[in-house]
Amino acid sequence: MTHATLIPEPAILYVAGDPALDLVNTVDWTSRGPEEERLGTYEQLTHWGEGAGLLDAAAGRRLRRVASERPRAAAAALEYAHRTRATLRVLFGAIARGELPGDALPRFNRLLADAMERLEIVPEAASRGRVGYDWRWREQDSDPRAVVWQVIWSAASLLKSEELGNVRMCDGDDCGWMYVDRSRNGLRRWCQMRTCGTREKTRRRRGAPTEV
């Protein structure tokens, strides 16, 4: 009897320092095109959102329950996440290279306008006799796209933050992952030293001339 070889799923990592860039990093942007898809199902999207700090466990369960009841809406939400990811890749990629974003910015603004239609201010629990207010996404427990709205909000916040100039693209060959460089000297080059950094160092050693 033959046994099928199980291919492990690519790991989901949070190395970017911002949910918007962590979404970009859910696929490998190689010279052959995107590879190693980590968001192939809506369930994976919600688990990614939990890991990124956008959803708590209860919210993730609620959205997965909605997805099981409305599979077409869940499939559309997954496509929406992929489309947002592609737009963020082009937008922040241009910024990392010091270039103008071109039509990626209007595309992002359309995504932002769509998300912002669901954002509102609501009262929160009283503290010391005073009523406070906080943000809330309408339909956050019933619309499968809710996790993506928060990614878009995070991207907008990064675009107007002082850290925008620290957005970098990994120097690793066929990686394309992005991150906010918060290193002390501002010279971080890799998404992860133990992967891309190690591979590059190994390649350089192999290509270095042998001393006589």
C-alpha atoms as a PDB file:
ATOM      1  CA  MET A   1       0.000   0.000   0.000  1.00  0.00           C
ATOM      2  CA  THR A   2       1.326   3.404  -0.933  1.00  0.00           C
ATOM      3  CA  HIS A   3       1.057   6.422   1.271  1.00  0.00           C
ATOM      4  CA  ALA A   4       0.642   9.949  -0.038  1.00  0.00           C
ATOM      5  CA  THR A   5       3.395  12.310   0.971  1.00  0.00           C
ATOM      6  CA  LEU A   6       2.016  15.110   3.097  1.00  0.00           C
ATOM      7  CA  ILE A   7       3.368  18.501   2.102  1.00  0.00           C
ATOM      8  CA  PRO A   8       3.453  20.828   5.113  1.00  0.00           C
ATOM      9  CA  GLU A   9       1.584  24.083   4.770  1.00  0.00           C
ATOM     10  CA  PRO A  10       3.808  27.181   4.619  1.00  0.00           C
ATOM     11  CA  ALA A  11       4.128  28.835   7.995  1.00  0.00           C
ATOM     12  CA  ILE A  12       2.285  32.040   8.767  1.00  0.00           C
ATOM     13  CA  LEU A  13       4.699  34.481  10.367  1.00  0.00           C
ATOM     14  CA  TYR A  14       4.224  37.941  11.818  1.00  0.00           C
ATOM     15  CA  VAL A  15       7.536  39.698  11.215  1.00  0.00           C
ATOM     16  CA  ALA A  16       6.455  42.953   9.566  1.00  0.00           C
ATOM     17  CA  GLY A  17       5.541  45.021  12.600  1.00  0.00           C
ATOM     18  CA  ASP A  18       2.220  46.073  11.074  1.00  0.00           C
ATOM     19  CA  PRO A  19      -0.891  44.059  10.082  1.00  0.00           C
ATOM     20  CA  ALA A  20      -1.023  45.638   6.627  1.00  0.00           C
ATOM     21  CA  LEU A  21       2.482  44.419   5.792  1.00  0.00           C
ATOM     22  CA  ASP A  22       1.864  41.105   7.528  1.00  0.00           C
ATOM     23  CA  LEU A  23      -0.994  40.596   5.072  1.00  0.00           C
ATOM     24  CA  VAL A  24       1.412  41.271   2.194  1.00  0.00           C
ATOM     25  CA  ASN A  25       3.643  38.583   3.693  1.00  0.00           C
ATOM     26  CA  THR A  26       1.030  35.831   3.464  1.00  0.00           C
ATOM     27  CA  VAL A  27       2.445  34.828   0.081  1.00  0.00           C
ATOM     28  CA  ASP A  28       5.995  34.673  -1.322  1.00  0.00           C
ATOM     29  CA  TRP A  29       6.479  37.254  -4.103  1.00  0.00           C
ATOM     30  CA  THR A  30       8.922  35.393  -6.329  1.00  0.00           C
ATOM     31  CA  SER A  31      10.164  36.187  -9.824  1.00  0.00           C
ATOM     32  CA  ARG A  32       7.842  33.425 -11.043  1.00  0.00           C
ATOM     33  CA  GLY A  33       4.849  35.050  -9.417  1.00  0.00           C
ATOM     34  CA  PRO A  34       3.184  34.592  -6.012  1.00  0.00           C
ATOM     35  CA  GLU A  35       3.925  31.233  -4.366  1.00  0.00           C
ATOM     36  CA  GLU A  36       3.260  29.468  -1.055  1.00  0.00           C
ATOM     37  CA  GLU A  37      -0.240  30.838  -0.521  1.00  0.00           C
ATOM     38  CA  ARG A  38      -1.062  30.997   3.176  1.00  0.00           C
ATOM     39  CA  LEU A  39      -4.609  32.341   2.817  1.00  0.00           C
ATOM     40  CA  GLY A  40      -6.202  29.694   0.652  1.00  0.00           C
ATOM     41  CA  THR A  41      -9.426  29.481   2.651  1.00  0.00           C
ATOM     42  CA  TYR A  42     -11.591  31.860   4.625  1.00  0.00           C
ATOM     43  CA  GLU A  43     -10.840  29.871   7.773  1.00  0.00           C
ATOM     44  CA  GLN A  44      -7.132  30.545   7.251  1.00  0.00           C
ATOM     45  CA  LEU A  45      -7.895  34.245   6.817  1.00  0.00           C
ATOM     46  CA  THR A  46      -9.674  34.448  10.175  1.00  0.00           C
ATOM     47  CA  HIS A  47      -6.926  32.511  11.952  1.00  0.00           C
ATOM     48  CA  TRP A  48      -4.391  34.877  10.382  1.00  0.00           C
ATOM     49  CA  GLY A  49      -6.480  37.806  11.672  1.00  0.00           C
ATOM     50  CA  GLU A  50      -6.378  36.379  15.178  1.00  0.00           C
ATOM     51  CA  GLY A  51      -2.604  35.995  15.012  1.00  0.00           C
ATOM     52  CA  ALA A  52      -2.247  39.542  13.695  1.00  0.00           C
ATOM     53  CA  GLY A  53      -4.207  40.902  16.659  1.00  0.00           C
ATOM     54  CA  LEU A  54      -7.149  42.061  14.545  1.00  0.00           C
ATOM     55  CA  LEU A  55      -9.623  39.517  15.912  1.00  0.00           C
ATOM     56  CA  ASP A  56      -9.949  37.867  19.283  1.00  0.00           C
ATOM     57  CA  ALA A  57     -10.743  34.165  19.417  1.00  0.00           C
ATOM     58  CA  ALA A  58     -14.472  34.739  19.938  1.00  0.00           C
ATOM     59  CA  ALA A  59     -14.694  37.090  16.951  1.00  0.00           C
ATOM     60  CA  GLY A  60     -12.814  34.590  14.801  1.00  0.00           C
ATOM     61  CA  ARG A  61     -15.268  31.848  15.756  1.00  0.00           C
ATOM     62  CA  ARG A  62     -18.235  34.079  14.985  1.00  0.00           C
ATOM     63  CA  LEU A  63     -16.920  34.945  11.530  1.00  0.00           C
ATOM     64  CA  ARG A  64     -16.164  31.306  10.751  1.00  0.00           C
ATOM     65  CA  ARG A  65     -19.718  30.428  11.759  1.00  0.00           C
ATOM     66  CA  VAL A  66     -21.026  33.146   9.437  1.00  0.00           C
ATOM     67  CA  ALA A  67     -18.803  31.788   6.667  1.00  0.00           C
ATOM     68  CA  SER A  68     -20.185  28.279   7.087  1.00  0.00           C
ATOM     69  CA  GLU A  69     -23.708  29.672   6.757  1.00  0.00           C
ATOM     70  CA  ARG A  70     -22.868  31.987   3.844  1.00  0.00           C
ATOM     71  CA  PRO A  71     -20.143  30.285   1.777  1.00  0.00           C
ATOM     72  CA  ARG A  72     -20.516  32.638  -1.202  1.00  0.00           C
ATOM     73  CA  ALA A  73     -20.021  35.674   1.011  1.00  0.00           C
ATOM     74  CA  ALA A  74     -16.986  34.005   2.572  1.00  0.00           C
ATOM     75  CA  ALA A  75     -15.501  33.258  -0.874  1.00  0.00           C
ATOM     76  CA  ALA A  76     -16.072  36.893  -1.893  1.00  0.00           C
ATOM     77  CA  ALA A  77     -14.402  38.072   1.326  1.00  0.00           C
ATOM     78  CA  LEU A  78     -11.370  35.896   0.630  1.00  0.00           C
ATOM     79  CA  GLU A  79     -11.091  37.381  -2.872  1.00  0.00           C
ATOM     80  CA  TYR A  80     -11.436  40.838  -1.282  1.00  0.00           C
ATOM     81  CA  ALA A  81      -8.508  40.007   1.039  1.00  0.00           C
ATOM     82  CA  HIS A  82      -6.375  38.855  -1.896  1.00  0.00           C
ATOM     83  CA  ARG A  83      -7.212  41.997  -3.869  1.00  0.00           C
ATOM     84  CA  THR A  84      -6.365  44.184  -0.872  1.00  0.00           C
ATOM     85  CA  ARG A  85      -3.089  42.303  -0.409  1.00  0.00           C
ATOM     86  CA  ALA A  86      -2.108  42.863  -4.055  1.00  0.00           C
ATOM     87  CA  THR A  87      -2.868  46.580  -3.790  1.00  0.00           C
ATOM     88  CA  LEU A  88      -0.879  46.944  -0.574  1.00  0.00           C
ATOM     89  CA  ARG A  89       2.032  45.082  -2.139  1.00  0.00           C
ATOM     90  CA  VAL A  90       2.248  47.530  -5.045  1.00  0.00           C
ATOM     91  CA  LEU A  91       1.593  50.593  -2.884  1.00  0.00           C
ATOM     92  CA  PHE A  92       4.101  49.894  -0.112  1.00  0.00           C
ATOM     93  CA  GLY A  93       6.549  48.321  -2.545  1.00  0.00           C
ATOM     94  CA  ALA A  94       6.767  51.621  -4.408  1.00  0.00           C
ATOM     95  CA  ILE A  95       7.149  53.511  -1.147  1.00  0.00           C
ATOM     96  CA  ALA A  96       9.947  51.162  -0.002  1.00  0.00           C
ATOM     97  CA  ARG A  97      11.789  51.832  -3.281  1.00  0.00           C
ATOM     98  CA  GLY A  98      11.315  55.595  -2.979  1.00  0.00           C
ATOM     99  CA  GLU A  99       8.975  55.710  -5.973  1.00  0.00           C
ATOM    100  CA  LEU A 100       5.559  57.227  -6.531  1.00  0.00           C
ATOM    101  CA  PRO A 101       2.778  54.644  -6.065  1.00  0.00           C
ATOM    102  CA  GLY A 102       0.997  55.438  -9.338  1.00  0.00           C
ATOM    103  CA  ASP A 103      -2.488  53.971  -9.684  1.00  0.00           C
ATOM    104  CA  ALA A 104      -2.024  51.857  -6.537  1.00  0.00           C
ATOM    105  CA  LEU A 105      -2.966  54.884  -4.424  1.00  0.00           C
ATOM    106  CA  PRO A 106      -6.362  55.454  -6.109  1.00  0.00           C
ATOM    107  CA  ARG A 107      -7.020  51.714  -5.824  1.00  0.00           C
ATOM    108  CA  PHE A 108      -6.190  51.849  -2.134  1.00  0.00           C
ATOM    109  CA  ASN A 109      -8.398  54.901  -1.642  1.00  0.00           C
ATOM    110  CA  ARG A 110     -11.331  53.004  -3.113  1.00  0.00           C
ATOM    111  CA  LEU A 111     -10.710  50.182  -0.655  1.00  0.00           C
ATOM    112  CA  LEU A 112     -10.420  52.725   2.150  1.00  0.00           C
ATOM    113  CA  ALA A 113     -13.659  54.477   1.220  1.00  0.00           C
ATOM    114  CA  ASP A 114     -15.473  51.149   1.177  1.00  0.00           C
ATOM    115  CA  ALA A 115     -14.126  50.181   4.597  1.00  0.00           C
ATOM    116  CA  MET A 116     -14.745  53.570   6.189  1.00  0.00           C
ATOM    117  CA  GLU A 117     -18.454  53.339   5.390  1.00  0.00           C
ATOM    118  CA  ARG A 118     -18.623  50.742   8.168  1.00  0.00           C
ATOM    119  CA  LEU A 119     -16.668  52.657  10.830  1.00  0.00           C
ATOM    120  CA  GLU A 120     -18.508  54.570  13.526  1.00  0.00           C
ATOM    121  CA  ILE A 121     -18.094  56.020  17.015  1.00  0.00           C
ATOM    122  CA  VAL A 122     -20.094  54.382  19.814  1.00  0.00           C
ATOM    123  CA  PRO A 123     -20.308  54.866  23.592  1.00  0.00           C
ATOM    124  CA  GLU A 124     -18.146  52.586  25.687  1.00  0.00           C
ATOM    125  CA  ALA A 125     -18.444  51.554  29.307  1.00  0.00           C
ATOM    126  CA  ALA A 126     -18.512  54.452  31.760  1.00  0.00           C
ATOM    127  CA  SER A 127     -15.321  55.145  33.697  1.00  0.00           C
ATOM    128  CA  ARG A 128     -15.470  57.227  36.879  1.00  0.00           C
ATOM    129  CA  GLY A 129     -18.955  58.342  35.990  1.00  0.00           C
ATOM    130  CA  ARG A 130     -17.998  59.548  32.526  1.00  0.00           C
ATOM    131  CA  VAL A 131     -19.120  57.976  29.276  1.00  0.00           C
ATOM    132  CA  GLY A 132     -16.301  57.401  26.800  1.00  0.00           C
ATOM    133  CA  TYR A 133     -16.404  56.670  23.097  1.00  0.00           C
ATOM    134  CA  ASP A 134     -14.608  54.251  20.853  1.00  0.00           C
ATOM    135  CA  TRP A 135     -14.445  53.031  17.257  1.00  0.00           C
ATOM    136  CA  ARG A 136     -16.618  50.151  16.094  1.00  0.00           C
ATOM    137  CA  TRP A 137     -17.061  48.440  12.766  1.00  0.00           C
ATOM    138  CA  ARG A 138     -20.697  47.970  11.855  1.00  0.00           C
ATOM    139  CA  GLU A 139     -21.453  44.335  10.993  1.00  0.00           C
ATOM    140  CA  GLN A 140     -18.103  43.311  12.458  1.00  0.00           C
ATOM    141  CA  ASP A 141     -19.654  40.072  13.673  1.00  0.00           C
ATOM    142  CA  SER A 142     -21.763  39.361  10.603  1.00  0.00           C
ATOM    143  CA  ASP A 143     -19.808  40.447   7.514  1.00  0.00           C
ATOM    144  CA  PRO A 144     -16.970  38.109   6.477  1.00  0.00           C
ATOM    145  CA  ARG A 145     -15.009  41.097   5.166  1.00  0.00           C
ATOM    146  CA  ALA A 146     -14.679  42.634   8.636  1.00  0.00           C
ATOM    147  CA  VAL A 147     -11.118  41.419   9.226  1.00  0.00           C
ATOM    148  CA  VAL A 148      -9.982  43.052   5.964  1.00  0.00           C
ATOM    149  CA  TRP A 149     -11.487  46.418   6.923  1.00  0.00           C
ATOM    150  CA  GLN A 150      -9.132  46.516   9.888  1.00  0.00           C
ATOM    151  CA  VAL A 151      -6.160  45.748   7.659  1.00  0.00           C
ATOM    152  CA  ILE A 152      -7.099  48.666   5.418  1.00  0.00           C
ATOM    153  CA  TRP A 153      -7.411  50.965   8.446  1.00  0.00           C
ATOM    154  CA  SER A 154      -3.984  49.843   9.628  1.00  0.00           C
ATOM    155  CA  ALA A 155      -2.505  50.539   6.184  1.00  0.00           C
ATOM    156  CA  ALA A 156      -3.991  54.049   6.176  1.00  0.00           C
ATOM    157  CA  SER A 157      -2.573  54.682   9.639  1.00  0.00           C
ATOM    158  CA  LEU A 158       0.878  53.532   8.504  1.00  0.00           C
ATOM    159  CA  LEU A 159       0.717  55.770   5.427  1.00  0.00           C
ATOM    160  CA  LYS A 160       0.256  58.859   7.584  1.00  0.00           C
ATOM    161  CA  SER A 161       2.650  57.834  10.346  1.00  0.00           C
ATOM    162  CA  GLU A 162       6.246  58.895  10.953  1.00  0.00           C
ATOM    163  CA  GLU A 163       7.282  55.280  10.334  1.00  0.00           C
ATOM    164  CA  LEU A 164       6.379  55.327   6.656  1.00  0.00           C
ATOM    165  CA  GLY A 165       9.996  56.090   5.782  1.00  0.00           C
ATOM    166  CA  ASN A 166      11.024  52.903   7.583  1.00  0.00           C
ATOM    167  CA  VAL A 167       9.004  50.570   5.337  1.00  0.00           C
ATOM    168  CA  ARG A 168      11.424  48.127   3.733  1.00  0.00           C
ATOM    169  CA  MET A 169      11.376  45.186   1.353  1.00  0.00           C
ATOM    170  CA  CYS A 170      13.448  42.126   2.231  1.00  0.00           C
ATOM    171  CA  ASP A 171      16.725  41.856   0.331  1.00  0.00           C
ATOM    172  CA  GLY A 172      16.360  38.085   0.153  1.00  0.00           C
ATOM    173  CA  ASP A 173      16.300  36.493  -3.281  1.00  0.00           C
ATOM    174  CA  ASP A 174      12.731  35.689  -4.423  1.00  0.00           C
ATOM    175  CA  CYS A 175      11.155  36.771  -1.125  1.00  0.00           C
ATOM    176  CA  GLY A 176       9.424  40.123  -1.503  1.00  0.00           C
ATOM    177  CA  TRP A 177       8.245  40.286   2.109  1.00  0.00           C
ATOM    178  CA  MET A 178       7.974  43.700   3.736  1.00  0.00           C
ATOM    179  CA  TYR A 179       8.448  45.128   7.209  1.00  0.00           C
ATOM    180  CA  VAL A 180       8.792  48.307   9.247  1.00  0.00           C
ATOM    181  CA  ASP A 181      12.467  48.697  10.140  1.00  0.00           C
ATOM    182  CA  ARG A 182      12.587  49.443  13.855  1.00  0.00           C
ATOM    183  CA  SER A 183      16.179  48.316  14.323  1.00  0.00           C
ATOM    184  CA  ARG A 184      18.387  50.612  16.383  1.00  0.00           C
ATOM    185  CA  ASN A 185      20.616  51.579  13.456  1.00  0.00           C
ATOM    186  CA  GLY A 186      17.889  51.452  10.800  1.00  0.00           C
ATOM    187  CA  LEU A 187      19.849  48.940   8.720  1.00  0.00           C
ATOM    188  CA  ARG A 188      17.638  45.847   8.882  1.00  0.00           C
ATOM    189  CA  ARG A 189      17.852  44.035   5.519  1.00  0.00           C
ATOM    190  CA  TRP A 190      15.903  40.824   5.978  1.00  0.00           C
ATOM    191  CA  CYS A 191      12.380  39.776   6.863  1.00  0.00           C
ATOM    192  CA  GLN A 192      14.115  37.159   9.047  1.00  0.00           C
ATOM    193  CA  MET A 193      17.804  36.675   9.593  1.00  0.00           C
ATOM    194  CA  ARG A 194      17.378  32.919  10.132  1.00  0.00           C
ATOM    195  CA  THR A 195      15.813  32.458   6.687  1.00  0.00           C
ATOM    196  CA  CYS A 196      16.617  35.057   4.044  1.00  0.00           C
ATOM    197  CA  GLY A 197      19.628  36.449   5.885  1.00  0.00           C
ATOM    198  CA  THR A 198      21.144  33.007   6.387  1.00  0.00           C
ATOM    199  CA  ARG A 199      20.511  31.987   2.766  1.00  0.00           C
ATOM    200  CA  GLU A 200      22.184  35.140   1.482  1.00  0.00           C
ATOM    201  CA  LYS A 201      25.216  34.662   3.722  1.00  0.00           C
ATOM    202  CA  THR A 202      25.498  31.041   2.573  1.00  0.00           C
ATOM    203  CA  ARG A 203      25.289  32.097  -1.073  1.00  0.00           C
ATOM    204  CA  ARG A 204      28.022  34.673  -0.566  1.00  0.00           C
ATOM    205  CA  ARG A 205      30.317  32.156   1.135  1.00  0.00           C
ATOM    206  CA  ARG A 206      29.864  29.687  -1.702  1.00  0.00           C
ATOM    207  CA  GLY A 207      30.575  32.374  -4.259  1.00  0.00           C
ATOM    208  CA  ALA A 208      33.603  33.785  -2.476  1.00  0.00           C
ATOM    209  CA  PRO A 209      37.034  32.985  -3.960  1.00  0.00           C
ATOM    210  CA  THR A 210      39.109  30.362  -2.156  1.00  0.00           C
ATOM    211  CA  GLU A 211      42.168  31.746  -0.401  1.00  0.00           C
ATOM    212  CA  VAL A 212      45.488  30.172  -1.452  1.00  0.00           C
END
